[in-house]
Amino acid sequence: MDIASTGDSDFLDLTIVINDVPLALDGLIDGGNAAPNTGVASGIDGLTITLNEQIDIGDNVTTFGIQVSAIHLAFDGVDVELAGIVDGDVYISQTYALMTIPEPSSLLLLGLPVLIAVFRRRRCASGPSH
């Protein structure tokens, strides 16, 4: 069984400015929506900007889900004036959903009373056996 997860981030009048220079977002946002995992050129070595970041989470065996971040700033050795070298992540408007997938044995235990009821109903409907 294939299970897919999707998320959505809406942007209204988004402008990202770095060092007093607005980044080019033309063509990246259509009707307020950015495609999943849209990369934005930051012009700074080590800085990755992702719009509408979507990451599958869970092990896809017992858990399944998605993490969605409207904006993800990833710093990897970025030299920031007055702060020095910066490493880390900033998530803006992040949410996630995680679902537990029942084990087959749990499904059997949950379904067993239904099977018993169906069997009893059929047996009663056919009358007593001799």
Protein backbone atom coordinates (compact mmCIF):
# COMPACT_ATOMS: atom_id res chain seq x y z
CA MET A 1 0.00 0.00 0.00
CA ASP A 2 1.40 3.38 -1.00
CA ILE A 3 0.69 6.33 1.25
CA ALA A 4 1.61 9.84 0.15
CA SER A 5 1.76 13.01 2.19
CA THR A 6 1.64 16.59 0.98
CA GLY A 7 1.61 19.97 2.61
CA ASP A 8 1.03 23.54 1.55
CA SER A 9 2.36 26.97 2.50
CA ASP A 10 0.68 30.20 1.42
CA PHE A 11 2.74 33.37 0.96
CA LEU A 12 1.26 36.84 0.74
CA ASP A 13 3.58 39.68 -0.32
CA LEU A 14 6.72 37.78 0.71
CA THR A 15 9.99 39.69 0.49
CA ILE A 16 13.30 38.33 1.76
CA VAL A 17 16.03 40.95 2.22
CA ILE A 18 19.67 40.12 2.97
CA ASN A 19 22.24 42.89 3.43
CA ASP A 20 19.71 45.45 2.18
CA VAL A 21 19.27 43.48 -1.07
CA PRO A 22 15.87 41.89 -1.80
CA LEU A 23 16.17 38.33 -3.11
CA ALA A 24 14.62 37.44 -6.46
CA LEU A 25 11.42 35.50 -5.83
CA ASP A 26 9.91 36.04 -9.29
CA GLY A 27 8.46 32.84 -10.68
CA LEU A 28 8.95 30.95 -7.41
CA ILE A 29 5.56 31.80 -5.92
CA ASP A 30 2.45 31.31 -8.04
CA GLY A 31 -0.85 32.56 -6.67
CA GLY A 32 0.56 32.71 -3.15
CA ASN A 33 1.87 29.13 -3.27
CA ALA A 34 5.39 27.84 -3.69
CA ALA A 35 6.03 24.35 -5.03
CA PRO A 36 7.29 21.89 -2.40
CA ASN A 37 10.97 22.36 -1.50
CA THR A 38 11.49 25.52 -3.55
CA GLY A 39 15.09 26.72 -3.26
CA VAL A 40 15.90 30.45 -3.19
CA ALA A 41 19.35 31.68 -4.20
CA SER A 42 20.68 33.55 -1.16
CA GLY A 43 23.94 34.79 -2.65
CA ILE A 44 25.69 33.88 0.62
CA ASP A 45 27.98 30.87 0.88
CA GLY A 46 26.58 28.33 3.33
CA LEU A 47 23.07 29.82 3.55
CA THR A 48 20.29 27.71 2.07
CA ILE A 49 16.75 29.10 1.89
CA THR A 50 13.86 26.72 1.19
CA LEU A 51 10.22 27.73 0.77
CA ASN A 52 7.40 25.26 1.50
CA GLU A 53 9.88 22.64 2.72
CA GLN A 54 8.26 19.20 3.00
CA ILE A 55 10.02 16.29 4.66
CA ASP A 56 8.55 12.81 5.16
CA ILE A 57 8.97 11.70 8.77
CA GLY A 58 8.47 8.37 10.47
CA ASP A 59 9.81 4.95 9.57
CA ASN A 60 6.99 4.11 7.07
CA VAL A 61 6.48 0.83 8.93
CA THR A 62 4.92 1.79 12.25
CA THR A 63 4.77 5.59 11.81
CA PHE A 64 4.17 7.86 8.84
CA GLY A 65 3.96 11.64 8.54
CA ILE A 66 5.14 14.92 7.11
CA GLN A 67 6.89 18.04 8.41
CA VAL A 68 6.13 21.29 6.56
CA SER A 69 8.02 24.55 7.04
CA ALA A 70 6.93 27.72 5.27
CA ILE A 71 10.54 28.97 5.29
CA HIS A 72 13.67 27.07 6.32
CA LEU A 73 16.97 28.92 6.68
CA ALA A 74 19.92 26.53 6.97
CA PHE A 75 23.23 28.05 8.09
CA ASP A 76 26.36 26.01 7.41
CA GLY A 77 29.45 27.97 8.41
CA VAL A 78 28.00 31.37 7.50
CA ASP A 79 30.20 34.30 8.52
CA VAL A 80 27.85 36.81 10.17
CA GLU A 81 29.18 40.23 11.09
CA LEU A 82 29.24 40.77 14.88
CA ALA A 83 28.26 37.11 15.46
CA GLY A 84 31.05 35.11 13.83
CA ILE A 85 30.53 31.74 12.16
CA VAL A 86 26.92 30.56 12.38
CA ASP A 87 25.70 26.96 12.02
CA GLY A 88 22.12 25.88 12.57
CA ASP A 89 18.58 26.08 11.32
CA VAL A 90 15.73 28.56 11.56
CA TYR A 91 12.22 27.31 10.78
CA ILE A 92 9.43 29.82 10.19
CA SER A 93 5.86 28.53 10.51
CA GLN A 94 6.66 24.84 10.96
CA THR A 95 4.11 22.12 11.54
CA TYR A 96 4.04 18.35 11.36
CA ALA A 97 1.63 15.45 11.44
CA LEU A 98 2.55 11.91 12.47
CA MET A 99 0.31 8.86 12.23
CA THR A 100 0.82 5.49 13.86
CA ILE A 101 0.20 2.55 11.55
CA PRO A 102 -1.37 -0.40 13.39
CA GLU A 103 0.44 -3.72 13.29
CA PRO A 104 -1.30 -6.55 11.38
CA SER A 105 -1.83 -8.43 14.67
CA SER A 106 -3.59 -5.37 16.14
CA LEU A 107 -5.83 -5.19 13.07
CA LEU A 108 -6.69 -8.88 13.53
CA LEU A 109 -7.60 -8.32 17.19
CA LEU A 110 -9.76 -5.32 16.29
CA GLY A 111 -11.43 -7.21 13.42
CA LEU A 112 -11.99 -10.49 15.29
CA PRO A 113 -15.19 -9.36 17.12
CA VAL A 114 -16.67 -8.28 13.77
CA LEU A 115 -15.90 -11.68 12.23
CA ILE A 116 -17.47 -13.49 15.21
CA ALA A 117 -20.62 -11.35 14.97
CA VAL A 118 -20.95 -12.05 11.23
CA PHE A 119 -20.44 -15.78 11.80
CA ARG A 120 -23.07 -15.86 14.59
CA ARG A 121 -25.57 -13.89 12.50
CA ARG A 122 -25.18 -16.27 9.55
CA ARG A 123 -25.43 -19.28 11.82
CA CYS A 124 -28.61 -17.94 13.47
CA ALA A 125 -30.14 -16.99 10.11
CA SER A 126 -29.68 -20.51 8.76
CA GLY A 127 -31.47 -21.99 11.77
CA PRO A 128 -30.32 -24.55 14.29
CA SER A 129 -28.14 -27.32 12.97
CA HIS A 130 -29.09 -30.99 13.50
